Amino acid sequence: MSSLKDKSIFITGGSRGIGLAIAKRAAADGANVTIAAKTTKPHPKLPGTIHTAAEEIETAGGKALAVEMDIRHEEIVKEALAKSADHFGGIDIIINNASAIFLQPTEALDMKRFDLMHQVNARGTFMVSKHAIPYLKEAENPHILMLSPPLDMSEKWFAPHAGYSMAKYGMSLVVLGLAGELKNQNIAVNALWPRTTIATAAIANNFGMDAMKQCRTPEIMADAAQIILTQPSSETTGQFFIDDTLLAKHGVNNFDKYRVDPTKDLIPDFFVPENDSPPESLKALTSEE
């Protein structure tokens, strides 16, 4: 399988950034995409809503359903999944993209924000996946994909922001557990993570606009996700993929088009293991004039 045509995809938090890029890449194949997120009205620091995302998906060639969903509430999640399945005749793919990030050290992180990260990241991912299983059992090539990192349990990833790291790795622990639990039912469960920072609102809000120039675009994650989601679910599960490594294994040998600014060195993302070498240098391609 090399296309997602007519596949029904349920994406959490996909009104912008990486989630929207994945949705639009799938839409280009003719996929049906449900955008399930909280944002129904424009936010000054977070561009895009579920409605603008749906418009972009349909412009890209797919069919879209915008569903308002707060991933922290179980009944709302169950209703959103049921609405998606009813609208498109089933669910083939779940993409757990919704995530909350606060990078404070322990003393500075208030528990309200700690709780939010765990409710959205670890608990939300677990809950959406749990309630999607009955639908995925009926699918021809079912996949669950988490946008979460490899399980590299290194102190350096936890010491600066233990609360966030715990919540983010929680998503990856769901991958590890569900991949084994669902293997006999041929439901694939995998993770995808970027080698470098990706140009999204999260980067702009946490590190400033200058940092955006040292990012790759969300399209690299969309192209990598496309590869994963078109693999046979019985053969590709329990994997923690890095975007450029996966693309290189599938014949991509030039990553220049994904750079925001070729005159800037790329910033390595959190959580990429030190022994994982990039297929291409992250240094600037050209010098600034």
Protein backbone atom coordinates (compact mmCIF):
# COMPACT_ATOMS: atom_id res chain seq x y z
CA MET A 1 0.00 0.00 0.00
CA SER A 2 1.41 3.40 -0.94
CA SER A 3 -1.68 5.60 -0.72
CA LEU A 4 -4.11 6.68 1.97
CA LYS A 5 -6.97 7.16 -0.47
CA ASP A 6 -10.34 6.63 1.23
CA LYS A 7 -8.69 5.88 4.58
CA SER A 8 -10.39 7.53 7.54
CA ILE A 9 -7.96 9.28 9.88
CA PHE A 10 -8.69 10.73 13.33
CA ILE A 11 -6.12 13.33 14.43
CA THR A 12 -6.04 14.92 17.87
CA GLY A 13 -4.98 18.55 18.10
CA GLY A 14 -4.52 18.86 14.35
CA SER A 15 -5.66 22.42 13.78
CA ARG A 16 -2.11 23.64 13.11
CA GLY A 17 1.53 22.64 12.88
CA ILE A 18 2.65 19.05 12.47
CA GLY A 19 -0.82 17.57 12.88
CA LEU A 20 -2.24 19.75 10.12
CA ALA A 21 0.71 18.98 7.83
CA ILE A 22 0.12 15.25 8.27
CA ALA A 23 -3.59 15.76 7.62
CA LYS A 24 -2.96 17.70 4.41
CA ARG A 25 -0.44 15.12 3.17
CA ALA A 26 -3.01 12.39 3.69
CA ALA A 27 -5.68 14.55 2.07
CA ALA A 28 -3.54 14.83 -1.05
CA ASP A 29 -4.07 11.06 -1.41
CA GLY A 30 -7.82 11.48 -0.99
CA ALA A 31 -8.10 10.53 2.67
CA ASN A 32 -10.97 11.34 5.02
CA VAL A 33 -9.68 13.32 7.99
CA THR A 34 -11.29 14.18 11.31
CA ILE A 35 -9.67 17.12 13.09
CA ALA A 36 -10.49 16.72 16.78
CA ALA A 37 -9.25 19.65 18.82
CA LYS A 38 -10.31 22.44 21.19
CA THR A 39 -9.63 25.46 19.01
CA THR A 40 -12.84 26.72 17.46
CA LYS A 41 -11.97 30.42 17.50
CA PRO A 42 -8.72 32.15 16.49
CA HIS A 43 -6.11 32.57 19.22
CA PRO A 44 -3.59 35.45 19.14
CA LYS A 45 -0.60 33.13 19.68
CA LEU A 46 -1.95 29.96 18.06
CA PRO A 47 -3.09 30.45 14.47
CA GLY A 48 -5.70 28.12 13.00
CA THR A 49 -8.89 26.47 14.19
CA ILE A 50 -10.55 23.14 13.52
CA HIS A 51 -12.62 24.90 10.86
CA THR A 52 -9.71 26.49 8.99
CA ALA A 53 -7.90 23.15 9.17
CA ALA A 54 -10.90 21.40 7.63
CA GLU A 55 -10.92 23.93 4.80
CA GLU A 56 -7.22 23.33 4.11
CA ILE A 57 -7.73 19.56 4.13
CA GLU A 58 -10.52 19.79 1.57
CA THR A 59 -8.49 22.18 -0.57
CA ALA A 60 -5.66 19.61 -0.49
CA GLY A 61 -7.99 16.97 -1.92
CA GLY A 62 -9.46 15.15 1.04
CA LYS A 63 -12.72 15.10 2.95
CA ALA A 64 -12.77 16.73 6.38
CA LEU A 65 -14.78 16.67 9.56
CA ALA A 66 -14.12 19.28 12.26
CA VAL A 67 -14.98 18.08 15.76
CA GLU A 68 -14.58 20.16 18.89
CA MET A 69 -12.93 17.92 21.48
CA ASP A 70 -11.28 18.44 24.84
CA ILE A 71 -8.99 15.43 25.15
CA ARG A 72 -9.17 15.57 28.94
CA HIS A 73 -12.80 14.44 29.10
CA GLU A 74 -13.61 10.80 28.43
CA GLU A 75 -17.21 11.14 27.31
CA ILE A 76 -16.28 13.91 24.87
CA VAL A 77 -13.50 11.73 23.42
CA LYS A 78 -15.86 8.78 23.00
CA GLU A 79 -18.44 11.02 21.31
CA ALA A 80 -15.84 12.46 18.94
CA LEU A 81 -14.65 9.01 17.88
CA ALA A 82 -18.23 7.84 17.36
CA LYS A 83 -19.05 10.94 15.32
CA SER A 84 -15.99 10.37 13.11
CA ALA A 85 -16.77 6.69 12.59
CA ASP A 86 -20.39 7.43 11.78
CA HIS A 87 -19.50 10.24 9.35
CA PHE A 88 -16.84 8.32 7.42
CA GLY A 89 -18.03 4.75 7.94
CA GLY A 90 -15.25 3.73 10.29
CA ILE A 91 -11.78 4.69 11.53
CA ASP A 92 -8.60 3.29 10.00
CA ILE A 93 -5.93 5.43 11.63
CA ILE A 94 -5.47 7.30 14.91
CA ILE A 95 -2.82 10.00 15.15
CA ASN A 96 -2.12 11.13 18.70
CA ASN A 97 -0.72 14.57 17.99
CA ALA A 98 -2.26 16.65 20.81
CA SER A 99 0.37 17.77 23.29
CA ALA A 100 0.95 20.38 25.99
CA ILE A 101 4.38 21.78 26.76
CA PHE A 102 5.72 23.78 29.70
CA LEU A 103 9.51 23.69 30.05
CA GLN A 104 9.94 24.96 33.60
CA PRO A 105 12.22 23.24 36.12
CA THR A 106 10.53 21.50 39.01
CA GLU A 107 10.36 24.36 41.52
CA ALA A 108 8.96 26.75 38.92
CA LEU A 109 6.34 24.39 37.48
CA ASP A 110 2.99 24.79 39.18
CA MET A 111 0.94 21.64 39.59
CA LYS A 112 -1.92 22.94 37.45
CA ARG A 113 0.41 22.97 34.44
CA PHE A 114 1.93 19.63 35.45
CA ASP A 115 -1.54 18.11 35.57
CA LEU A 116 -2.48 19.63 32.20
CA MET A 117 0.56 18.11 30.48
CA HIS A 118 -0.17 14.68 31.88
CA GLN A 119 -3.88 14.91 31.11
CA VAL A 120 -3.22 15.85 27.49
CA ASN A 121 -0.03 13.97 26.66
CA ALA A 122 0.06 10.66 28.49
CA ARG A 123 -3.54 10.24 29.66
CA GLY A 124 -5.07 11.73 26.50
CA THR A 125 -3.01 9.49 24.24
CA PHE A 126 -3.91 6.42 26.28
CA MET A 127 -7.60 7.29 26.38
CA VAL A 128 -8.02 8.09 22.67
CA SER A 129 -6.17 4.91 21.75
CA LYS A 130 -8.21 2.83 24.20
CA HIS A 131 -11.57 3.97 22.88
CA ALA A 132 -10.42 3.72 19.25
CA ILE A 133 -9.56 0.02 19.49
CA PRO A 134 -13.08 -1.28 18.69
CA TYR A 135 -13.13 0.77 15.49
CA LEU A 136 -9.59 -0.21 14.51
CA LYS A 137 -10.42 -3.90 14.91
CA GLU A 138 -12.79 -3.47 11.95
CA ALA A 139 -10.24 -1.67 9.74
CA GLU A 140 -8.29 -3.28 6.92
CA ASN A 141 -4.87 -1.83 7.79
CA PRO A 142 -5.22 -0.17 11.21
CA HIS A 143 -2.56 2.13 12.64
CA ILE A 144 -2.06 4.18 15.79
CA LEU A 145 0.72 6.75 15.50
CA MET A 146 2.05 8.79 18.42
CA LEU A 147 4.09 11.93 17.88
CA SER A 148 6.42 11.07 20.73
CA PRO A 149 10.12 10.33 21.25
CA PRO A 150 12.24 7.20 21.44
CA LEU A 151 12.49 5.83 24.97
CA ASP A 152 16.02 7.06 25.65
CA MET A 153 16.06 7.18 29.45
CA SER A 154 18.91 9.65 29.83
CA GLU A 155 19.17 12.06 32.76
CA LYS A 156 19.85 14.99 30.43
CA TRP A 157 16.36 14.74 28.95
CA PHE A 158 14.71 14.90 32.37
CA ALA A 159 16.83 17.22 34.52
CA PRO A 160 15.92 20.54 32.84
CA HIS A 161 12.14 19.92 32.74
CA ALA A 162 11.16 16.71 34.50
CA GLY A 163 7.43 17.43 34.39
CA TYR A 164 7.29 17.84 30.62
CA SER A 165 9.63 14.92 29.94
CA MET A 166 7.55 12.60 32.11
CA ALA A 167 4.39 13.57 30.23
CA LYS A 168 5.98 13.26 26.79
CA TYR A 169 7.65 9.93 27.52
CA GLY A 170 4.29 8.80 28.83
CA MET A 171 3.03 8.90 25.25
CA SER A 172 5.92 6.66 24.20
CA LEU A 173 5.19 4.20 27.00
CA VAL A 174 1.71 3.85 25.54
CA VAL A 175 3.37 2.88 22.25
CA LEU A 176 5.49 0.25 23.96
CA GLY A 177 2.55 -1.25 25.81
CA LEU A 178 -0.12 -1.14 23.13
CA ALA A 179 2.19 -2.42 20.38
CA GLY A 180 2.63 -5.63 22.33
CA GLU A 181 -0.98 -5.79 23.49
CA LEU A 182 -2.48 -5.30 20.03
CA LYS A 183 0.07 -7.19 17.94
CA ASN A 184 -2.08 -10.31 17.66
CA GLN A 185 -4.93 -8.17 16.34
CA ASN A 186 -2.71 -6.66 13.63
CA ILE A 187 -3.19 -3.11 14.91
CA ALA A 188 0.09 -1.28 14.40
CA VAL A 189 1.25 1.13 17.11
CA ASN A 190 4.30 3.29 16.38
CA ALA A 191 5.92 6.60 17.28
CA LEU A 192 7.41 9.34 15.11
CA TRP A 193 9.75 12.07 16.32
CA PRO A 194 11.69 14.84 14.53
CA ARG A 195 15.47 14.95 14.35
CA THR A 196 15.41 18.74 14.55
CA THR A 197 13.05 21.32 15.91
CA ILE A 198 10.05 21.91 13.64
CA ALA A 199 8.74 25.35 12.73
CA THR A 200 5.53 25.47 14.74
CA ALA A 201 3.81 27.87 17.13
CA ALA A 202 5.29 25.92 20.05
CA ILE A 203 8.81 26.83 18.93
CA ALA A 204 7.92 30.46 18.32
CA ASN A 205 6.19 30.79 21.70
CA ASN A 206 8.88 28.99 23.72
CA PHE A 207 12.08 30.05 21.97
CA GLY A 208 11.24 33.08 19.82
CA MET A 209 10.99 33.79 16.11
CA ASP A 210 14.75 33.61 15.51
CA ALA A 211 14.69 29.95 16.53
CA MET A 212 12.16 29.28 13.75
CA LYS A 213 14.90 29.96 11.19
CA GLN A 214 16.85 26.99 12.57
CA CYS A 215 13.98 24.56 12.09
CA ARG A 216 12.74 22.19 9.46
CA THR A 217 9.19 22.55 8.20
CA PRO A 218 6.32 20.34 9.37
CA GLU A 219 6.23 18.71 5.93
CA ILE A 220 9.17 16.45 6.84
CA MET A 221 7.03 14.88 9.57
CA ALA A 222 4.09 14.61 7.19
CA ASP A 223 6.16 12.76 4.60
CA ALA A 224 7.57 10.43 7.25
CA ALA A 225 4.11 9.73 8.71
CA GLN A 226 2.87 8.88 5.22
CA ILE A 227 5.46 6.11 4.99
CA ILE A 228 4.51 4.62 8.36
CA LEU A 229 0.77 4.74 7.78
CA THR A 230 0.99 2.99 4.42
CA GLN A 231 3.00 0.03 5.76
CA PRO A 232 1.26 -3.29 6.48
CA SER A 233 0.05 -3.04 10.06
CA SER A 234 0.98 -6.66 10.71
CA GLU A 235 4.63 -5.98 9.84
CA THR A 236 5.39 -2.50 11.22
CA THR A 237 4.64 -2.03 14.91
CA GLY A 238 6.39 -1.11 18.13
CA GLN A 239 8.84 1.15 16.31
CA PHE A 240 10.19 4.55 17.35
CA PHE A 241 11.01 6.34 14.13
CA ILE A 242 13.10 9.49 13.60
CA ASP A 243 11.81 11.46 10.61
CA ASP A 244 14.92 11.87 8.46
CA THR A 245 16.30 8.41 9.22
CA LEU A 246 13.03 6.84 8.10
CA LEU A 247 12.88 8.96 4.95
CA ALA A 248 16.50 8.11 4.10
CA LYS A 249 15.71 4.39 4.37
CA HIS A 250 12.94 4.95 1.85
CA GLY A 251 15.09 6.68 -0.73
CA VAL A 252 15.13 10.34 0.29
CA ASN A 253 18.70 11.60 0.03
CA ASN A 254 18.24 15.37 0.04
CA PHE A 255 16.55 17.19 2.91
CA ASP A 256 17.23 20.75 1.77
CA LYS A 257 13.61 21.46 0.91
CA TYR A 258 12.61 21.02 4.54
CA ARG A 259 14.87 23.79 5.88
CA VAL A 260 13.27 27.07 6.85
CA ASP A 261 16.53 28.98 6.31
CA PRO A 262 19.47 27.21 4.60
CA THR A 263 21.93 29.78 6.03
CA LYS A 264 21.26 28.58 9.59
CA ASP A 265 22.41 25.47 11.43
CA LEU A 266 19.51 23.23 12.40
CA ILE A 267 18.71 22.80 16.11
CA PRO A 268 18.56 19.16 17.26
CA ASP A 269 15.28 18.40 19.01
CA PHE A 270 14.93 17.10 22.55
CA PHE A 271 15.04 13.37 23.18
CA VAL A 272 16.98 12.22 20.08
CA PRO A 273 19.51 9.63 21.32
CA GLU A 274 23.16 10.71 21.03
CA ASN A 275 24.10 7.54 19.16
CA ASP A 276 21.48 8.18 16.46
CA SER A 277 23.43 9.80 13.61
CA PRO A 278 21.61 11.97 11.07
CA PRO A 279 21.67 10.89 7.42
CA GLU A 280 22.69 14.44 6.48
CA SER A 281 24.59 17.21 8.25
CA LEU A 282 22.55 19.66 10.30
CA LYS A 283 25.01 22.46 9.55
CA ALA A 284 24.05 25.45 7.41
CA LEU A 285 24.07 24.82 3.66
CA THR A 286 25.24 28.30 2.72
CA SER A 287 26.72 31.24 4.54
CA GLU A 288 24.72 34.38 5.21
CA GLU A 289 25.31 37.25 2.80
